[in-house]
Amino acid sequence: MGSTEQANKALVRELIDTWNRGDLAAMTRFWSPDMVHYGRDGEPLPGTDVAAEMARFMNAFPDLRLTVHAMVAEGDLVATRLTVEATHKGEYLGVPATGRAVRVPLLGQLRVVDGAVVEHWGVADGLYLLEQLGLLPPELLRATA
């Protein structure tokens, strides 16, 4: 692995560490001004909208913790396999706090250019999150696994 890949992985690890500290302002400093996020629908979401959504999520799950299970870099891309663990302590998507602990897998791919994230693709298991919050029957989750 070349020095660019190593530097990109180090940047992504530092970004994850910053997320784990709950410092949204510091996290956005890792992004280029025109950073774009793509979710499961493939529609682009500009960085300002991503920051607002992250703030809502962090308010609802203030003890959020990301655990890195795998990180692979090739060229300007860094792929991650993570687990999100948190407690639902505030309203999120219209759902009042449940006090339930959640654990959700998250896959991501970040493109890093000149030391900044310019693109992020992320897919989390939203059905599993809703089931853990008590909003979906477990049978539905098993049927979609």
N, C-alpha and C. Protein backbone atom coordinates (compact mmCIF):
# COMPACT_ATOMS: atom_id res chain seq x y z
N MET A 1 0.85 -1.17 0.00
CA MET A 1 0.00 0.00 0.00
C MET A 1 0.89 1.23 0.00
N GLY A 2 0.55 2.19 -0.87
CA GLY A 2 1.35 3.39 -1.00
C GLY A 2 1.10 4.40 0.10
N SER A 3 1.91 5.45 0.08
CA SER A 3 1.79 6.47 1.12
C SER A 3 0.45 7.22 1.03
N THR A 4 -0.09 7.38 -0.19
CA THR A 4 -1.39 8.04 -0.33
C THR A 4 -2.48 7.24 0.36
N GLU A 5 -2.50 5.93 0.12
CA GLU A 5 -3.50 5.08 0.77
C GLU A 5 -3.37 5.12 2.29
N GLN A 6 -2.13 5.06 2.78
CA GLN A 6 -1.90 5.12 4.23
C GLN A 6 -2.40 6.44 4.80
N ALA A 7 -2.10 7.54 4.11
CA ALA A 7 -2.55 8.86 4.57
C ALA A 7 -4.07 8.95 4.55
N ASN A 8 -4.70 8.40 3.52
CA ASN A 8 -6.16 8.45 3.43
C ASN A 8 -6.81 7.63 4.54
N LYS A 9 -6.24 6.46 4.83
CA LYS A 9 -6.77 5.64 5.94
C LYS A 9 -6.60 6.37 7.27
N ALA A 10 -5.46 7.01 7.46
CA ALA A 10 -5.22 7.75 8.70
C ALA A 10 -6.24 8.88 8.85
N LEU A 11 -6.54 9.58 7.75
CA LEU A 11 -7.53 10.65 7.79
C LEU A 11 -8.90 10.11 8.17
N VAL A 12 -9.30 8.98 7.57
CA VAL A 12 -10.62 8.40 7.87
C VAL A 12 -10.67 7.92 9.32
N ARG A 13 -9.59 7.33 9.82
CA ARG A 13 -9.56 6.92 11.24
C ARG A 13 -9.70 8.14 12.16
N GLU A 14 -9.03 9.22 11.81
CA GLU A 14 -9.13 10.43 12.62
C GLU A 14 -10.55 11.00 12.56
N LEU A 15 -11.18 10.94 11.40
CA LEU A 15 -12.57 11.37 11.26
C LEU A 15 -13.49 10.54 12.15
N ILE A 16 -13.29 9.23 12.16
CA ILE A 16 -14.11 8.34 13.00
C ILE A 16 -13.86 8.63 14.48
N ASP A 17 -12.61 8.85 14.85
CA ASP A 17 -12.30 9.20 16.25
C ASP A 17 -13.00 10.50 16.65
N THR A 18 -13.04 11.46 15.74
CA THR A 18 -13.70 12.73 16.01
C THR A 18 -15.20 12.52 16.18
N TRP A 19 -15.79 11.67 15.34
CA TRP A 19 -17.22 11.32 15.47
C TRP A 19 -17.47 10.71 16.84
N ASN A 20 -16.58 9.80 17.27
CA ASN A 20 -16.75 9.15 18.57
C ASN A 20 -16.65 10.14 19.73
N ARG A 21 -15.98 11.25 19.53
CA ARG A 21 -15.93 12.31 20.56
C ARG A 21 -17.16 13.21 20.49
N GLY A 22 -17.99 13.04 19.46
CA GLY A 22 -19.20 13.83 19.32
C GLY A 22 -18.96 15.26 18.87
N ASP A 23 -17.85 15.50 18.20
CA ASP A 23 -17.46 16.85 17.80
C ASP A 23 -17.81 17.09 16.33
N LEU A 24 -19.06 17.48 16.07
CA LEU A 24 -19.53 17.67 14.70
C LEU A 24 -18.75 18.76 13.97
N ALA A 25 -18.46 19.85 14.64
CA ALA A 25 -17.73 20.94 13.99
C ALA A 25 -16.36 20.46 13.52
N ALA A 26 -15.69 19.67 14.34
CA ALA A 26 -14.38 19.15 13.94
C ALA A 26 -14.52 18.15 12.80
N MET A 27 -15.60 17.37 12.79
CA MET A 27 -15.79 16.38 11.72
C MET A 27 -15.92 17.06 10.36
N THR A 28 -16.65 18.16 10.31
CA THR A 28 -16.87 18.81 9.02
C THR A 28 -15.58 19.42 8.46
N ARG A 29 -14.59 19.62 9.29
CA ARG A 29 -13.30 20.13 8.80
C ARG A 29 -12.55 19.09 7.97
N PHE A 30 -12.97 17.82 8.05
CA PHE A 30 -12.36 16.78 7.23
C PHE A 30 -12.95 16.76 5.82
N TRP A 31 -14.03 17.49 5.61
CA TRP A 31 -14.74 17.48 4.33
C TRP A 31 -14.27 18.62 3.43
N SER A 32 -14.25 18.37 2.13
CA SER A 32 -14.04 19.46 1.19
C SER A 32 -15.30 20.33 1.20
N PRO A 33 -15.21 21.59 0.78
CA PRO A 33 -16.39 22.45 0.77
C PRO A 33 -17.54 21.90 -0.09
N ASP A 34 -17.21 21.10 -1.08
CA ASP A 34 -18.25 20.56 -1.97
C ASP A 34 -18.49 19.06 -1.74
N MET A 35 -18.20 18.59 -0.53
CA MET A 35 -18.41 17.17 -0.20
C MET A 35 -19.86 16.78 -0.45
N VAL A 36 -20.03 15.56 -0.97
CA VAL A 36 -21.36 15.02 -1.26
C VAL A 36 -21.47 13.63 -0.63
N HIS A 37 -22.63 13.35 -0.03
CA HIS A 37 -22.93 12.03 0.54
C HIS A 37 -23.98 11.36 -0.33
N TYR A 38 -23.82 10.05 -0.51
CA TYR A 38 -24.81 9.24 -1.21
C TYR A 38 -25.26 8.14 -0.27
N GLY A 39 -26.55 8.01 -0.07
CA GLY A 39 -27.11 6.95 0.76
C GLY A 39 -27.57 5.80 -0.10
N ARG A 40 -28.44 4.97 0.47
CA ARG A 40 -28.85 3.76 -0.23
C ARG A 40 -29.61 4.04 -1.52
N ASP A 41 -30.23 5.22 -1.64
CA ASP A 41 -30.97 5.54 -2.86
C ASP A 41 -30.07 6.13 -3.95
N GLY A 42 -28.82 6.42 -3.63
CA GLY A 42 -27.88 6.94 -4.61
C GLY A 42 -28.06 8.41 -4.94
N GLU A 43 -28.98 9.08 -4.25
CA GLU A 43 -29.20 10.51 -4.49
C GLU A 43 -28.16 11.33 -3.74
N PRO A 44 -27.60 12.35 -4.39
CA PRO A 44 -26.59 13.17 -3.72
C PRO A 44 -27.19 14.06 -2.64
N LEU A 45 -26.47 14.17 -1.54
CA LEU A 45 -26.85 15.04 -0.43
C LEU A 45 -25.65 15.92 -0.13
N PRO A 46 -25.78 17.25 -0.26
CA PRO A 46 -24.63 18.12 -0.02
C PRO A 46 -24.19 18.10 1.45
N GLY A 47 -22.94 18.44 1.66
CA GLY A 47 -22.36 18.39 2.99
C GLY A 47 -23.13 19.16 4.05
N THR A 48 -23.72 20.31 3.70
CA THR A 48 -24.48 21.07 4.69
C THR A 48 -25.68 20.28 5.18
N ASP A 49 -26.34 19.56 4.27
CA ASP A 49 -27.48 18.72 4.67
C ASP A 49 -27.01 17.52 5.48
N VAL A 50 -25.84 16.98 5.13
CA VAL A 50 -25.28 15.86 5.89
C VAL A 50 -25.01 16.30 7.32
N ALA A 51 -24.42 17.48 7.49
CA ALA A 51 -24.11 17.98 8.83
C ALA A 51 -25.39 18.15 9.65
N ALA A 52 -26.45 18.65 9.04
CA ALA A 52 -27.72 18.82 9.76
C ALA A 52 -28.29 17.47 10.18
N GLU A 53 -28.22 16.48 9.30
CA GLU A 53 -28.73 15.15 9.64
C GLU A 53 -27.88 14.51 10.73
N MET A 54 -26.56 14.69 10.65
CA MET A 54 -25.68 14.14 11.68
C MET A 54 -25.99 14.77 13.03
N ALA A 55 -26.26 16.07 13.05
CA ALA A 55 -26.59 16.75 14.31
C ALA A 55 -27.88 16.17 14.90
N ARG A 56 -28.90 15.93 14.07
CA ARG A 56 -30.15 15.33 14.56
C ARG A 56 -29.88 13.95 15.14
N PHE A 57 -29.06 13.15 14.44
CA PHE A 57 -28.76 11.80 14.91
C PHE A 57 -27.98 11.84 16.21
N MET A 58 -26.99 12.73 16.29
CA MET A 58 -26.18 12.83 17.50
C MET A 58 -27.00 13.31 18.70
N ASN A 59 -27.99 14.16 18.47
CA ASN A 59 -28.86 14.61 19.56
C ASN A 59 -29.74 13.46 20.05
N ALA A 60 -30.19 12.61 19.14
CA ALA A 60 -31.05 11.49 19.51
C ALA A 60 -30.26 10.34 20.12
N PHE A 61 -29.00 10.19 19.71
CA PHE A 61 -28.14 9.09 20.17
C PHE A 61 -26.82 9.69 20.67
N PRO A 62 -26.83 10.41 21.79
CA PRO A 62 -25.65 11.18 22.21
C PRO A 62 -24.44 10.34 22.62
N ASP A 63 -24.64 9.08 22.94
CA ASP A 63 -23.50 8.24 23.33
C ASP A 63 -23.00 7.38 22.17
N LEU A 64 -23.32 7.77 20.96
CA LEU A 64 -22.96 7.02 19.76
C LEU A 64 -21.48 6.68 19.72
N ARG A 65 -21.21 5.46 19.31
CA ARG A 65 -19.82 4.99 19.20
C ARG A 65 -19.69 4.16 17.94
N LEU A 66 -18.68 4.45 17.12
CA LEU A 66 -18.38 3.68 15.93
C LEU A 66 -17.20 2.77 16.22
N THR A 67 -17.34 1.50 15.87
CA THR A 67 -16.24 0.55 15.99
C THR A 67 -15.83 0.13 14.59
N VAL A 68 -14.55 0.22 14.30
CA VAL A 68 -14.03 -0.15 12.98
C VAL A 68 -13.67 -1.63 13.00
N HIS A 69 -14.24 -2.38 12.07
CA HIS A 69 -13.92 -3.80 11.93
C HIS A 69 -12.98 -4.05 10.77
N ALA A 70 -13.09 -3.22 9.73
CA ALA A 70 -12.22 -3.36 8.57
C ALA A 70 -12.11 -2.02 7.86
N MET A 71 -10.92 -1.76 7.32
CA MET A 71 -10.70 -0.56 6.53
C MET A 71 -9.69 -0.92 5.44
N VAL A 72 -10.07 -0.64 4.20
CA VAL A 72 -9.24 -0.97 3.05
C VAL A 72 -9.12 0.27 2.18
N ALA A 73 -7.91 0.55 1.70
CA ALA A 73 -7.71 1.71 0.83
C ALA A 73 -7.12 1.27 -0.50
N GLU A 74 -7.59 1.93 -1.55
CA GLU A 74 -7.04 1.73 -2.89
C GLU A 74 -7.16 3.05 -3.63
N GLY A 75 -6.03 3.60 -4.03
CA GLY A 75 -6.06 4.90 -4.69
C GLY A 75 -6.65 5.95 -3.76
N ASP A 76 -7.66 6.68 -4.27
CA ASP A 76 -8.27 7.73 -3.45
C ASP A 76 -9.49 7.25 -2.67
N LEU A 77 -9.76 5.93 -2.69
CA LEU A 77 -10.93 5.37 -2.00
C LEU A 77 -10.54 4.66 -0.71
N VAL A 78 -11.38 4.84 0.32
CA VAL A 78 -11.24 4.11 1.58
C VAL A 78 -12.59 3.47 1.88
N ALA A 79 -12.59 2.15 2.02
CA ALA A 79 -13.82 1.41 2.36
C ALA A 79 -13.77 1.02 3.82
N THR A 80 -14.93 1.13 4.49
CA THR A 80 -15.00 0.80 5.91
C THR A 80 -16.17 -0.14 6.19
N ARG A 81 -15.97 -1.01 7.18
CA ARG A 81 -17.05 -1.82 7.75
C ARG A 81 -17.06 -1.51 9.24
N LEU A 82 -18.16 -0.92 9.69
CA LEU A 82 -18.26 -0.41 11.05
C LEU A 82 -19.47 -0.98 11.76
N THR A 83 -19.49 -0.80 13.07
CA THR A 83 -20.70 -1.02 13.87
C THR A 83 -20.99 0.27 14.61
N VAL A 84 -22.24 0.71 14.55
CA VAL A 84 -22.70 1.87 15.30
C VAL A 84 -23.40 1.34 16.55
N GLU A 85 -22.98 1.81 17.72
CA GLU A 85 -23.64 1.44 18.97
C GLU A 85 -24.04 2.74 19.67
N ALA A 86 -25.28 2.77 20.17
CA ALA A 86 -25.77 3.99 20.81
C ALA A 86 -27.03 3.68 21.60
N THR A 87 -27.45 4.67 22.39
CA THR A 87 -28.70 4.58 23.14
C THR A 87 -29.63 5.67 22.65
N HIS A 88 -30.87 5.30 22.38
CA HIS A 88 -31.86 6.24 21.85
C HIS A 88 -32.39 7.11 22.99
N LYS A 89 -31.80 8.31 23.15
CA LYS A 89 -32.13 9.18 24.28
C LYS A 89 -32.88 10.44 23.88
N GLY A 90 -33.14 10.61 22.59
CA GLY A 90 -33.85 11.81 22.13
C GLY A 90 -34.70 11.49 20.92
N GLU A 91 -35.60 12.40 20.57
CA GLU A 91 -36.48 12.20 19.42
C GLU A 91 -35.68 12.06 18.14
N TYR A 92 -36.09 11.11 17.30
CA TYR A 92 -35.45 10.93 16.00
C TYR A 92 -36.50 10.45 15.01
N LEU A 93 -36.61 11.15 13.89
CA LEU A 93 -37.58 10.83 12.84
C LEU A 93 -38.99 10.72 13.40
N GLY A 94 -39.31 11.59 14.33
CA GLY A 94 -40.64 11.60 14.92
C GLY A 94 -40.86 10.57 16.02
N VAL A 95 -39.84 9.79 16.33
CA VAL A 95 -39.96 8.75 17.36
C VAL A 95 -39.37 9.28 18.66
N PRO A 96 -40.18 9.36 19.72
CA PRO A 96 -39.64 9.83 21.00
C PRO A 96 -38.60 8.85 21.55
N ALA A 97 -37.75 9.34 22.42
CA ALA A 97 -36.71 8.50 23.02
C ALA A 97 -37.30 7.23 23.60
N THR A 98 -36.64 6.11 23.32
CA THR A 98 -37.09 4.82 23.86
C THR A 98 -36.18 4.33 24.97
N GLY A 99 -34.97 4.89 25.06
CA GLY A 99 -34.00 4.41 26.04
C GLY A 99 -33.35 3.10 25.64
N ARG A 100 -33.67 2.63 24.45
CA ARG A 100 -33.12 1.34 24.00
C ARG A 100 -31.72 1.50 23.41
N ALA A 101 -30.90 0.49 23.67
CA ALA A 101 -29.58 0.42 23.06
C ALA A 101 -29.73 -0.18 21.67
N VAL A 102 -28.98 0.36 20.71
CA VAL A 102 -29.00 -0.16 19.35
C VAL A 102 -27.58 -0.48 18.91
N ARG A 103 -27.51 -1.42 17.97
CA ARG A 103 -26.23 -1.83 17.40
C ARG A 103 -26.51 -2.12 15.93
N VAL A 104 -25.95 -1.30 15.03
CA VAL A 104 -26.29 -1.36 13.62
C VAL A 104 -25.02 -1.42 12.77
N PRO A 105 -24.96 -2.35 11.80
CA PRO A 105 -23.82 -2.38 10.89
C PRO A 105 -23.88 -1.22 9.90
N LEU A 106 -22.70 -0.73 9.52
CA LEU A 106 -22.60 0.39 8.59
C LEU A 106 -21.44 0.14 7.64
N LEU A 107 -21.72 0.21 6.35
CA LEU A 107 -20.68 0.09 5.33
C LEU A 107 -20.49 1.46 4.69
N GLY A 108 -19.25 1.83 4.45
CA GLY A 108 -18.99 3.14 3.87
C GLY A 108 -17.85 3.10 2.87
N GLN A 109 -17.89 4.04 1.97
CA GLN A 109 -16.79 4.26 1.03
C GLN A 109 -16.58 5.76 0.93
N LEU A 110 -15.37 6.19 1.19
CA LEU A 110 -15.04 7.61 1.16
C LEU A 110 -13.99 7.84 0.08
N ARG A 111 -14.16 8.92 -0.67
CA ARG A 111 -13.14 9.32 -1.64
C ARG A 111 -12.44 10.54 -1.06
N VAL A 112 -11.11 10.43 -0.97
CA VAL A 112 -10.29 11.47 -0.36
C VAL A 112 -9.40 12.09 -1.44
N VAL A 113 -9.47 13.41 -1.56
CA VAL A 113 -8.65 14.13 -2.54
C VAL A 113 -7.97 15.29 -1.81
N ASP A 114 -6.67 15.37 -1.95
CA ASP A 114 -5.89 16.46 -1.33
C ASP A 114 -6.19 16.60 0.16
N GLY A 115 -6.29 15.47 0.86
CA GLY A 115 -6.46 15.48 2.30
C GLY A 115 -7.84 15.83 2.80
N ALA A 116 -8.86 15.73 1.94
CA ALA A 116 -10.23 16.04 2.35
C ALA A 116 -11.19 15.03 1.73
N VAL A 117 -12.25 14.71 2.47
CA VAL A 117 -13.29 13.81 1.95
C VAL A 117 -14.14 14.61 0.96
N VAL A 118 -14.21 14.12 -0.28
CA VAL A 118 -15.01 14.80 -1.30
C VAL A 118 -16.30 14.04 -1.59
N GLU A 119 -16.33 12.76 -1.20
CA GLU A 119 -17.50 11.93 -1.50
C GLU A 119 -17.59 10.82 -0.45
N HIS A 120 -18.82 10.55 -0.02
CA HIS A 120 -19.05 9.46 0.93
C HIS A 120 -20.27 8.68 0.48
N TRP A 121 -20.13 7.37 0.42
CA TRP A 121 -21.25 6.46 0.18
C TRP A 121 -21.42 5.69 1.48
N GLY A 122 -22.62 5.65 2.01
CA GLY A 122 -22.85 4.94 3.26
C GLY A 122 -24.17 4.20 3.25
N VAL A 123 -24.14 2.98 3.75
CA VAL A 123 -25.35 2.17 3.84
C VAL A 123 -25.41 1.55 5.22
N ALA A 124 -26.47 1.90 5.97
CA ALA A 124 -26.72 1.32 7.28
C ALA A 124 -27.99 0.48 7.19
N ASP A 125 -28.13 -0.47 8.08
CA ASP A 125 -29.31 -1.33 8.09
C ASP A 125 -30.43 -0.64 8.86
N GLY A 126 -31.18 0.20 8.16
CA GLY A 126 -32.24 0.98 8.79
C GLY A 126 -33.36 0.13 9.36
N LEU A 127 -33.69 -0.99 8.69
CA LEU A 127 -34.73 -1.88 9.23
C LEU A 127 -34.31 -2.44 10.58
N TYR A 128 -33.05 -2.81 10.68
CA TYR A 128 -32.55 -3.36 11.94
C TYR A 128 -32.60 -2.31 13.04
N LEU A 129 -32.28 -1.06 12.70
CA LEU A 129 -32.38 0.02 13.68
C LEU A 129 -33.82 0.16 14.16
N LEU A 130 -34.78 0.20 13.24
CA LEU A 130 -36.19 0.35 13.62
C LEU A 130 -36.67 -0.82 14.46
N GLU A 131 -36.22 -2.03 14.14
CA GLU A 131 -36.61 -3.21 14.93
C GLU A 131 -36.07 -3.09 16.35
N GLN A 132 -34.83 -2.64 16.49
CA GLN A 132 -34.24 -2.51 17.83
C GLN A 132 -34.92 -1.41 18.65
N LEU A 133 -35.50 -0.44 17.96
CA LEU A 133 -36.24 0.62 18.66
C LEU A 133 -37.66 0.18 18.99
N GLY A 134 -38.02 -1.04 18.60
CA GLY A 134 -39.35 -1.57 18.90
C GLY A 134 -40.42 -1.11 17.93
N LEU A 135 -40.01 -0.64 16.76
CA LEU A 135 -40.96 -0.10 15.79
C LEU A 135 -41.34 -1.10 14.70
N LEU A 136 -40.64 -2.21 14.61
CA LEU A 136 -40.94 -3.25 13.63
C LEU A 136 -40.96 -4.59 14.33
N PRO A 137 -41.83 -5.49 13.90
CA PRO A 137 -41.83 -6.82 14.49
C PRO A 137 -40.58 -7.60 14.06
N PRO A 138 -39.98 -8.38 14.97
CA PRO A 138 -38.78 -9.16 14.63
C PRO A 138 -38.99 -10.08 13.43
N GLU A 139 -40.22 -10.55 13.24
CA GLU A 139 -40.50 -11.46 12.12
C GLU A 139 -40.22 -10.78 10.78
N LEU A 140 -40.52 -9.48 10.69
CA LEU A 140 -40.27 -8.75 9.46
C LEU A 140 -38.78 -8.68 9.18
N LEU A 141 -38.00 -8.45 10.21
CA LEU A 141 -36.56 -8.38 10.04
C LEU A 141 -36.01 -9.71 9.56
N ARG A 142 -36.46 -10.81 10.16
CA ARG A 142 -35.98 -12.13 9.74
C ARG A 142 -36.37 -12.40 8.29
N ALA A 143 -37.53 -11.93 7.87
CA ALA A 143 -38.00 -12.17 6.51
C ALA A 143 -37.19 -11.39 5.48
N THR A 144 -36.54 -10.30 5.90
CA THR A 144 -35.77 -9.49 4.96
C THR A 144 -34.27 -9.73 5.05
N ALA A 145 -33.84 -10.61 5.95
CA ALA A 145 -32.40 -10.83 6.14
C ALA A 145 -31.79 -11.56 4.97
